[in-house]
């Protein structure tokens, strides 16, 4: 049952992760508006999400596969536990953080400025603010969608008791 819930939330979780990462990039661009030779960076959301989903699905393209970034840290073979008392279990476990690295979101791309700056900075503050506001809107709507999904599940669970 929990696997099914993970699958239901997987796409939205992945989309929110990519949006949050893009928000960090855009805010970094805005913060460095006056930094000489700073190059504005961004990601293409749709290709980054598609790449993260494809990589998480093992390259199969199957929508039913579990996404690695949506899974909690797992326990697998590998690490030996020290036992200090006779009652301790002698187990072997290896903790693997399965939350994906930001490299899953694709390569960062540099923006081509509409007008060259004398100090080498490629940040166009107006364009960055528009992108930031657009990304914020999408991030908030994604959170609203996930919240509605959770409320619907809670309603279904509590109505049966």
N, C-alpha and C. Protein backbone atom coordinates (compact mmCIF):
# COMPACT_ATOMS: atom_id res chain seq x y z
N UNK A 1 0.82 -1.19 0.00
CA UNK A 1 0.00 0.00 0.00
C UNK A 1 0.86 1.26 0.00
N UNK A 2 1.93 1.25 0.79
CA UNK A 2 2.80 2.42 0.83
C UNK A 2 3.51 2.63 -0.49
N UNK A 3 3.82 1.53 -1.20
CA UNK A 3 4.44 1.67 -2.51
C UNK A 3 3.51 2.41 -3.46
N UNK A 4 2.23 2.12 -3.37
CA UNK A 4 1.24 2.78 -4.22
C UNK A 4 1.17 4.27 -3.89
N UNK A 5 1.22 4.60 -2.60
CA UNK A 5 1.22 6.01 -2.20
C UNK A 5 2.47 6.72 -2.70
N UNK A 6 3.61 6.03 -2.61
CA UNK A 6 4.86 6.62 -3.12
C UNK A 6 4.74 6.92 -4.60
N UNK A 7 4.15 6.00 -5.35
CA UNK A 7 3.99 6.21 -6.79
C UNK A 7 3.06 7.38 -7.08
N UNK A 8 2.02 7.52 -6.27
CA UNK A 8 1.07 8.61 -6.48
C UNK A 8 1.70 9.98 -6.25
N UNK A 9 2.60 10.07 -5.30
CA UNK A 9 3.22 11.35 -4.97
C UNK A 9 4.54 11.57 -5.70
N UNK A 10 5.06 10.56 -6.38
CA UNK A 10 6.41 10.62 -6.96
C UNK A 10 6.58 11.75 -7.96
N UNK A 11 5.67 11.87 -8.91
CA UNK A 11 5.84 12.89 -9.95
C UNK A 11 5.81 14.29 -9.35
N UNK A 12 4.83 14.55 -8.48
CA UNK A 12 4.73 15.88 -7.88
C UNK A 12 5.93 16.19 -7.02
N UNK A 13 6.46 15.21 -6.31
CA UNK A 13 7.64 15.41 -5.47
C UNK A 13 8.83 15.77 -6.34
N UNK A 14 8.99 15.05 -7.44
CA UNK A 14 10.10 15.31 -8.36
C UNK A 14 9.98 16.72 -8.96
N UNK A 15 8.77 17.08 -9.37
CA UNK A 15 8.54 18.41 -9.95
C UNK A 15 8.84 19.51 -8.94
N UNK A 16 8.43 19.31 -7.69
CA UNK A 16 8.69 20.33 -6.66
C UNK A 16 10.18 20.43 -6.37
N UNK A 17 10.89 19.31 -6.39
CA UNK A 17 12.34 19.35 -6.18
C UNK A 17 13.04 20.16 -7.26
N UNK A 18 12.66 19.94 -8.51
CA UNK A 18 13.29 20.67 -9.62
C UNK A 18 12.92 22.16 -9.53
N UNK A 19 11.67 22.46 -9.21
CA UNK A 19 11.25 23.87 -9.06
C UNK A 19 12.03 24.55 -7.94
N UNK A 20 12.19 23.87 -6.81
CA UNK A 20 12.92 24.46 -5.68
C UNK A 20 14.39 24.71 -6.05
N UNK A 21 14.99 23.79 -6.78
CA UNK A 21 16.38 23.98 -7.22
C UNK A 21 16.48 25.16 -8.18
N UNK A 22 15.50 25.29 -9.09
CA UNK A 22 15.50 26.41 -10.02
C UNK A 22 15.32 27.72 -9.27
N UNK A 23 14.52 27.71 -8.21
CA UNK A 23 14.31 28.92 -7.41
C UNK A 23 15.63 29.37 -6.78
N UNK A 24 16.43 28.42 -6.33
CA UNK A 24 17.75 28.75 -5.77
C UNK A 24 18.63 29.40 -6.83
N UNK A 25 18.63 28.84 -8.04
CA UNK A 25 19.45 29.41 -9.11
C UNK A 25 19.02 30.83 -9.46
N UNK A 26 17.72 31.03 -9.59
CA UNK A 26 17.22 32.35 -9.95
C UNK A 26 17.50 33.37 -8.86
N UNK A 27 17.35 32.98 -7.61
CA UNK A 27 17.65 33.92 -6.53
C UNK A 27 19.14 34.24 -6.47
N UNK A 28 19.97 33.26 -6.82
CA UNK A 28 21.41 33.50 -6.89
C UNK A 28 21.74 34.50 -8.00
N UNK A 29 21.05 34.36 -9.12
CA UNK A 29 21.25 35.32 -10.22
C UNK A 29 20.87 36.73 -9.78
N UNK A 30 19.73 36.86 -9.13
CA UNK A 30 19.27 38.18 -8.67
C UNK A 30 20.23 38.77 -7.65
N UNK A 31 20.72 37.93 -6.75
CA UNK A 31 21.65 38.42 -5.72
C UNK A 31 22.97 38.89 -6.32
N UNK A 32 23.34 38.35 -7.48
CA UNK A 32 24.62 38.70 -8.09
C UNK A 32 24.47 39.65 -9.27
N UNK A 33 23.44 40.46 -9.24
CA UNK A 33 23.19 41.41 -10.33
C UNK A 33 24.37 42.36 -10.54
N UNK A 34 25.02 42.77 -9.47
CA UNK A 34 26.11 43.73 -9.59
C UNK A 34 27.49 43.10 -9.47
N UNK A 35 27.60 41.81 -9.53
CA UNK A 35 28.89 41.13 -9.42
C UNK A 35 29.56 41.08 -10.79
N UNK A 36 30.74 41.66 -10.91
CA UNK A 36 31.43 41.65 -12.20
C UNK A 36 31.73 40.21 -12.65
N UNK A 37 31.57 39.97 -13.94
CA UNK A 37 31.84 38.69 -14.59
C UNK A 37 30.97 37.54 -14.12
N UNK A 38 29.88 37.83 -13.39
CA UNK A 38 28.96 36.76 -12.98
C UNK A 38 28.12 36.36 -14.19
N UNK A 39 28.00 35.07 -14.40
CA UNK A 39 27.22 34.54 -15.51
C UNK A 39 25.90 34.00 -14.98
N UNK A 40 24.78 34.52 -15.48
CA UNK A 40 23.45 34.08 -15.06
C UNK A 40 23.26 32.62 -15.48
N UNK A 41 22.76 31.81 -14.54
CA UNK A 41 22.57 30.38 -14.79
C UNK A 41 21.10 30.01 -14.61
N UNK A 42 20.70 28.97 -15.29
CA UNK A 42 19.33 28.48 -15.19
C UNK A 42 19.30 27.04 -15.70
N UNK A 43 18.17 26.39 -15.49
CA UNK A 43 17.93 25.07 -16.04
C UNK A 43 16.65 25.14 -16.86
N UNK A 44 16.53 24.23 -17.80
CA UNK A 44 15.28 24.10 -18.54
C UNK A 44 14.42 23.14 -17.75
N UNK A 45 13.34 23.66 -17.14
CA UNK A 45 12.54 22.85 -16.23
C UNK A 45 12.02 21.57 -16.87
N UNK A 46 11.42 21.66 -18.04
CA UNK A 46 10.79 20.49 -18.64
C UNK A 46 11.80 19.40 -18.97
N UNK A 47 12.96 19.78 -19.54
CA UNK A 47 13.95 18.75 -19.86
C UNK A 47 14.62 18.22 -18.60
N UNK A 48 14.77 19.08 -17.58
CA UNK A 48 15.36 18.62 -16.32
C UNK A 48 14.45 17.63 -15.61
N UNK A 49 13.14 17.92 -15.59
CA UNK A 49 12.18 17.01 -14.98
C UNK A 49 12.12 15.71 -15.76
N UNK A 50 12.08 15.80 -17.08
CA UNK A 50 12.04 14.59 -17.90
C UNK A 50 13.30 13.75 -17.68
N UNK A 51 14.45 14.41 -17.60
CA UNK A 51 15.70 13.68 -17.36
C UNK A 51 15.73 13.02 -15.99
N UNK A 52 15.25 13.74 -14.97
CA UNK A 52 15.23 13.17 -13.62
C UNK A 52 14.26 12.00 -13.55
N UNK A 53 13.10 12.12 -14.19
CA UNK A 53 12.14 11.02 -14.21
C UNK A 53 12.68 9.83 -14.99
N UNK A 54 13.33 10.11 -16.13
CA UNK A 54 13.89 9.03 -16.95
C UNK A 54 15.00 8.30 -16.20
N UNK A 55 15.88 9.06 -15.54
CA UNK A 55 16.98 8.46 -14.78
C UNK A 55 16.44 7.67 -13.59
N UNK A 56 15.42 8.22 -12.93
CA UNK A 56 14.84 7.53 -11.77
C UNK A 56 14.13 6.26 -12.18
N UNK A 57 13.61 6.23 -13.40
CA UNK A 57 12.93 5.04 -13.89
C UNK A 57 13.90 4.04 -14.52
N UNK A 58 15.18 4.29 -14.36
CA UNK A 58 16.18 3.37 -14.90
C UNK A 58 16.30 3.46 -16.42
N UNK A 59 15.87 4.59 -16.97
CA UNK A 59 15.96 4.77 -18.41
C UNK A 59 14.88 4.03 -19.17
N UNK A 60 13.94 3.41 -18.46
CA UNK A 60 12.91 2.62 -19.13
C UNK A 60 11.79 3.46 -19.68
N UNK A 61 11.58 4.65 -19.12
CA UNK A 61 10.48 5.48 -19.55
C UNK A 61 9.16 5.05 -18.96
N UNK A 62 9.17 4.05 -18.12
CA UNK A 62 7.94 3.54 -17.53
C UNK A 62 7.49 4.46 -16.41
N UNK A 63 6.23 4.85 -16.42
CA UNK A 63 5.70 5.72 -15.39
C UNK A 63 5.44 4.99 -14.09
N UNK A 64 5.41 3.63 -14.13
CA UNK A 64 5.07 2.86 -12.94
C UNK A 64 6.27 2.62 -12.04
N UNK A 65 7.47 2.85 -12.54
CA UNK A 65 8.66 2.59 -11.73
C UNK A 65 8.76 3.61 -10.60
N UNK A 66 9.37 3.19 -9.49
CA UNK A 66 9.53 4.09 -8.36
C UNK A 66 10.67 5.06 -8.62
N UNK A 67 10.48 6.31 -8.23
CA UNK A 67 11.50 7.32 -8.43
C UNK A 67 12.46 7.32 -7.26
N UNK A 68 13.75 7.29 -7.55
CA UNK A 68 14.76 7.22 -6.49
C UNK A 68 14.71 8.40 -5.56
N UNK A 69 14.46 9.60 -6.09
CA UNK A 69 14.48 10.80 -5.25
C UNK A 69 13.31 10.88 -4.30
N UNK A 70 12.29 10.06 -4.51
CA UNK A 70 11.12 10.12 -3.64
C UNK A 70 11.18 9.09 -2.54
N UNK A 71 12.23 8.30 -2.52
CA UNK A 71 12.33 7.22 -1.55
C UNK A 71 13.12 7.65 -0.31
N UNK A 72 12.75 7.14 0.85
CA UNK A 72 13.55 7.42 2.04
C UNK A 72 14.87 6.67 1.96
N UNK A 73 15.79 7.02 2.84
CA UNK A 73 17.06 6.30 2.88
C UNK A 73 16.79 4.82 3.13
N UNK A 74 17.42 3.97 2.35
CA UNK A 74 17.18 2.53 2.46
C UNK A 74 18.30 1.85 3.21
N UNK A 75 18.05 0.64 3.65
CA UNK A 75 19.05 -0.18 4.33
C UNK A 75 19.34 -1.38 3.45
N UNK A 76 20.60 -1.55 3.09
CA UNK A 76 21.01 -2.68 2.27
C UNK A 76 22.24 -3.33 2.89
N UNK A 77 22.75 -4.36 2.25
CA UNK A 77 23.93 -5.07 2.77
C UNK A 77 25.18 -4.21 2.67
N UNK A 78 26.16 -4.50 3.52
CA UNK A 78 27.43 -3.84 3.37
C UNK A 78 28.14 -3.43 4.63
N UNK A 79 27.51 -2.80 5.60
CA UNK A 79 28.17 -2.25 6.75
C UNK A 79 28.03 -3.19 7.94
N UNK A 80 29.10 -3.40 8.68
CA UNK A 80 29.06 -4.27 9.85
C UNK A 80 28.79 -3.44 11.09
N UNK A 81 27.89 -3.95 11.95
CA UNK A 81 27.57 -3.25 13.18
C UNK A 81 28.39 -3.85 14.32
N UNK A 82 28.89 -3.00 15.19
CA UNK A 82 29.66 -3.46 16.33
C UNK A 82 28.72 -3.92 17.44
N UNK A 83 29.00 -5.06 18.03
CA UNK A 83 28.19 -5.55 19.15
C UNK A 83 29.03 -5.45 20.42
N UNK A 84 28.48 -4.81 21.44
CA UNK A 84 29.21 -4.63 22.69
C UNK A 84 28.62 -5.46 23.82
N UNK A 85 27.45 -6.01 23.63
CA UNK A 85 26.79 -6.84 24.63
C UNK A 85 26.35 -8.14 23.98
N UNK A 86 26.17 -9.16 24.81
CA UNK A 86 25.78 -10.47 24.29
C UNK A 86 24.40 -10.44 23.64
N UNK A 87 23.51 -9.57 24.09
CA UNK A 87 22.16 -9.49 23.56
C UNK A 87 22.04 -8.71 22.26
N UNK A 88 23.11 -8.04 21.84
CA UNK A 88 23.05 -7.26 20.60
C UNK A 88 23.00 -8.18 19.38
N UNK A 89 22.24 -7.76 18.40
CA UNK A 89 22.18 -8.53 17.15
C UNK A 89 23.39 -8.18 16.30
N UNK A 90 23.99 -9.18 15.72
CA UNK A 90 25.11 -8.96 14.81
C UNK A 90 24.54 -8.83 13.40
N UNK A 91 24.32 -7.61 12.99
CA UNK A 91 23.72 -7.39 11.68
C UNK A 91 24.67 -6.69 10.74
N UNK A 92 24.32 -6.76 9.51
CA UNK A 92 25.09 -6.05 8.49
C UNK A 92 24.11 -5.15 7.76
N UNK A 93 24.42 -3.90 7.69
CA UNK A 93 23.53 -2.96 7.01
C UNK A 93 24.35 -1.84 6.40
N UNK A 94 23.84 -1.29 5.35
CA UNK A 94 24.49 -0.16 4.71
C UNK A 94 23.41 0.88 4.42
N UNK A 95 23.58 2.07 4.95
CA UNK A 95 22.62 3.13 4.70
C UNK A 95 23.01 3.85 3.42
N UNK A 96 22.07 3.97 2.54
CA UNK A 96 22.30 4.67 1.29
C UNK A 96 21.28 5.79 1.19
N UNK A 97 21.75 7.00 1.10
CA UNK A 97 20.83 8.12 0.91
C UNK A 97 20.35 8.07 -0.53
N UNK A 98 19.06 7.88 -0.71
CA UNK A 98 18.53 7.73 -2.07
C UNK A 98 17.94 9.01 -2.61
N UNK A 99 17.98 10.09 -1.87
CA UNK A 99 17.56 11.37 -2.43
C UNK A 99 18.55 11.76 -3.50
N UNK A 100 18.06 12.10 -4.67
CA UNK A 100 18.95 12.32 -5.81
C UNK A 100 19.77 13.59 -5.69
N UNK A 101 20.96 13.58 -6.25
CA UNK A 101 21.78 14.79 -6.28
C UNK A 101 21.24 15.77 -7.31
N UNK A 102 21.65 17.00 -7.21
CA UNK A 102 21.16 18.01 -8.14
C UNK A 102 21.64 17.74 -9.56
N UNK A 103 22.64 16.89 -9.74
CA UNK A 103 23.10 16.55 -11.09
C UNK A 103 22.00 15.86 -11.88
N UNK A 104 21.01 15.29 -11.17
CA UNK A 104 19.88 14.65 -11.85
C UNK A 104 19.05 15.65 -12.61
N UNK A 105 19.19 16.92 -12.35
CA UNK A 105 18.36 17.94 -12.97
C UNK A 105 18.95 18.44 -14.27
N UNK A 106 19.99 17.85 -14.74
CA UNK A 106 20.58 18.25 -16.02
C UNK A 106 21.67 19.28 -15.84
N UNK A 107 22.25 19.65 -16.94
CA UNK A 107 23.35 20.60 -16.92
C UNK A 107 22.82 22.01 -16.76
N UNK A 108 23.53 22.79 -15.97
CA UNK A 108 23.20 24.21 -15.85
C UNK A 108 23.53 24.88 -17.18
N UNK A 109 22.67 25.77 -17.55
CA UNK A 109 22.88 26.51 -18.79
C UNK A 109 23.11 27.98 -18.44
N UNK A 110 23.95 28.62 -19.23
CA UNK A 110 24.21 30.04 -19.04
C UNK A 110 23.29 30.83 -19.96
N UNK A 111 22.74 31.90 -19.43
CA UNK A 111 21.85 32.73 -20.22
C UNK A 111 22.65 33.58 -21.19
N UNK A 112 22.11 33.74 -22.37
CA UNK A 112 22.71 34.64 -23.34
C UNK A 112 22.06 36.01 -23.11
N UNK A 113 22.85 37.01 -22.76
CA UNK A 113 22.26 38.32 -22.43
C UNK A 113 21.70 39.01 -23.66
N UNK A 114 20.61 39.75 -23.45
CA UNK A 114 20.02 40.53 -24.53
C UNK A 114 20.91 41.70 -24.89
N UNK A 115 21.61 42.22 -23.87
CA UNK A 115 22.53 43.33 -24.11
C UNK A 115 23.78 43.09 -23.27
N UNK A 116 24.91 43.19 -23.89
CA UNK A 116 26.17 42.94 -23.20
C UNK A 116 26.44 44.00 -22.14
N UNK A 117 27.07 43.56 -21.05
CA UNK A 117 27.42 44.46 -19.97
C UNK A 117 28.93 44.72 -20.02
N UNK A 118 29.34 45.92 -19.66
CA UNK A 118 30.77 46.26 -19.69
C UNK A 118 31.58 45.46 -18.69
N UNK A 119 30.96 45.08 -17.55
CA UNK A 119 31.71 44.35 -16.52
C UNK A 119 31.63 42.82 -16.69
N UNK A 120 31.00 42.34 -17.76
CA UNK A 120 30.94 40.91 -18.02
C UNK A 120 29.79 40.19 -17.34
N UNK A 121 28.96 40.91 -16.61
CA UNK A 121 27.83 40.31 -15.92
C UNK A 121 26.70 40.08 -16.92
N UNK A 122 26.10 38.87 -16.91
CA UNK A 122 25.04 38.55 -17.88
C UNK A 122 23.66 38.53 -17.25
N UNK A 123 23.51 39.03 -16.03
CA UNK A 123 22.21 39.03 -15.36
C UNK A 123 21.37 40.20 -15.85
N UNK A 124 20.19 39.88 -16.38
CA UNK A 124 19.20 40.90 -16.76
C UNK A 124 18.16 40.87 -15.64
N UNK A 125 18.18 41.85 -14.76
CA UNK A 125 17.37 41.84 -13.55
C UNK A 125 15.88 41.71 -13.85
N UNK A 126 15.41 42.39 -14.89
CA UNK A 126 13.99 42.31 -15.22
C UNK A 126 13.61 40.89 -15.66
N UNK A 127 14.43 40.29 -16.49
CA UNK A 127 14.16 38.92 -16.94
C UNK A 127 14.23 37.93 -15.78
N UNK A 128 15.18 38.13 -14.88
CA UNK A 128 15.31 37.24 -13.73
C UNK A 128 14.09 37.34 -12.81
N UNK A 129 13.61 38.55 -12.61
CA UNK A 129 12.42 38.73 -11.75
C UNK A 129 11.19 38.08 -12.37
N UNK A 130 11.05 38.17 -13.67
CA UNK A 130 9.92 37.53 -14.35
C UNK A 130 10.03 36.01 -14.20
N UNK A 131 11.21 35.47 -14.44
CA UNK A 131 11.42 34.02 -14.30
C UNK A 131 11.19 33.57 -12.85
N UNK A 132 11.65 34.38 -11.90
CA UNK A 132 11.49 34.06 -10.48
C UNK A 132 10.01 34.03 -10.11
N UNK A 133 9.26 35.03 -10.56
CA UNK A 133 7.83 35.09 -10.25
C UNK A 133 7.08 33.93 -10.90
N UNK A 134 7.42 33.60 -12.14
CA UNK A 134 6.80 32.48 -12.84
C UNK A 134 7.09 31.16 -12.12
N UNK A 135 8.34 30.96 -11.74
CA UNK A 135 8.71 29.73 -11.04
C UNK A 135 8.03 29.65 -9.67
N UNK A 136 7.91 30.80 -8.98
CA UNK A 136 7.22 30.83 -7.69
C UNK A 136 5.77 30.43 -7.84
N UNK A 137 5.12 30.94 -8.87
CA UNK A 137 3.73 30.59 -9.13
C UNK A 137 3.57 29.09 -9.37
N UNK A 138 4.45 28.52 -10.17
CA UNK A 138 4.39 27.09 -10.43
C UNK A 138 4.71 26.27 -9.18
N UNK A 139 5.64 26.74 -8.38
CA UNK A 139 5.99 26.05 -7.14
C UNK A 139 4.82 26.05 -6.17
N UNK A 140 4.17 27.20 -6.03
CA UNK A 140 3.01 27.29 -5.13
C UNK A 140 1.83 26.46 -5.63
N UNK A 141 1.60 26.44 -6.94
CA UNK A 141 0.51 25.62 -7.46
C UNK A 141 0.81 24.13 -7.28
N UNK A 142 2.08 23.75 -7.39
CA UNK A 142 2.46 22.36 -7.13
C UNK A 142 2.23 21.98 -5.68
N UNK A 143 2.56 22.89 -4.78
CA UNK A 143 2.31 22.63 -3.35
C UNK A 143 0.82 22.53 -3.07
N UNK A 144 0.01 23.37 -3.72
CA UNK A 144 -1.44 23.31 -3.56
C UNK A 144 -1.98 21.97 -4.06
N UNK A 145 -1.44 21.50 -5.15
CA UNK A 145 -1.86 20.21 -5.71
C UNK A 145 -1.53 19.06 -4.76
N UNK A 146 -0.33 19.07 -4.22
CA UNK A 146 0.06 18.01 -3.28
C UNK A 146 -0.78 18.10 -2.01
N UNK A 147 -1.02 19.31 -1.53
CA UNK A 147 -1.85 19.50 -0.34
C UNK A 147 -3.27 18.98 -0.57
N UNK A 148 -3.84 19.25 -1.73
CA UNK A 148 -5.18 18.75 -2.05
C UNK A 148 -5.19 17.23 -2.15
N UNK A 149 -4.11 16.67 -2.67
CA UNK A 149 -3.99 15.22 -2.77
C UNK A 149 -3.97 14.60 -1.37
N UNK A 150 -3.22 15.19 -0.47
CA UNK A 150 -3.13 14.69 0.91
C UNK A 150 -4.47 14.85 1.62
N UNK A 151 -5.12 16.00 1.44
CA UNK A 151 -6.43 16.23 2.07
C UNK A 151 -7.45 15.22 1.55
N UNK A 152 -7.41 14.90 0.28
CA UNK A 152 -8.31 13.91 -0.27
C UNK A 152 -8.09 12.53 0.32
N UNK A 153 -6.82 12.16 0.51
CA UNK A 153 -6.51 10.88 1.13
C UNK A 153 -6.96 10.85 2.59
N UNK A 154 -6.72 11.94 3.31
CA UNK A 154 -7.15 12.01 4.71
C UNK A 154 -8.67 11.94 4.83
N UNK A 155 -9.34 12.59 3.91
CA UNK A 155 -10.81 12.54 3.92
C UNK A 155 -11.31 11.13 3.68
N UNK A 156 -10.69 10.43 2.75
CA UNK A 156 -11.09 9.05 2.46
C UNK A 156 -10.80 8.14 3.65
N UNK A 157 -9.70 8.38 4.33
CA UNK A 157 -9.34 7.54 5.47
C UNK A 157 -10.27 7.78 6.65
N UNK A 158 -10.56 9.05 6.95
CA UNK A 158 -11.37 9.37 8.12
C UNK A 158 -12.86 9.15 7.90
N UNK A 159 -13.33 9.17 6.66
CA UNK A 159 -14.77 8.99 6.42
C UNK A 159 -15.21 7.54 6.62
N UNK A 160 -14.28 6.62 6.58
CA UNK A 160 -14.63 5.21 6.74
C UNK A 160 -14.70 4.75 8.19
N UNK A 161 -14.34 5.62 9.14
CA UNK A 161 -14.33 5.17 10.55
C UNK A 161 -15.58 5.47 11.29
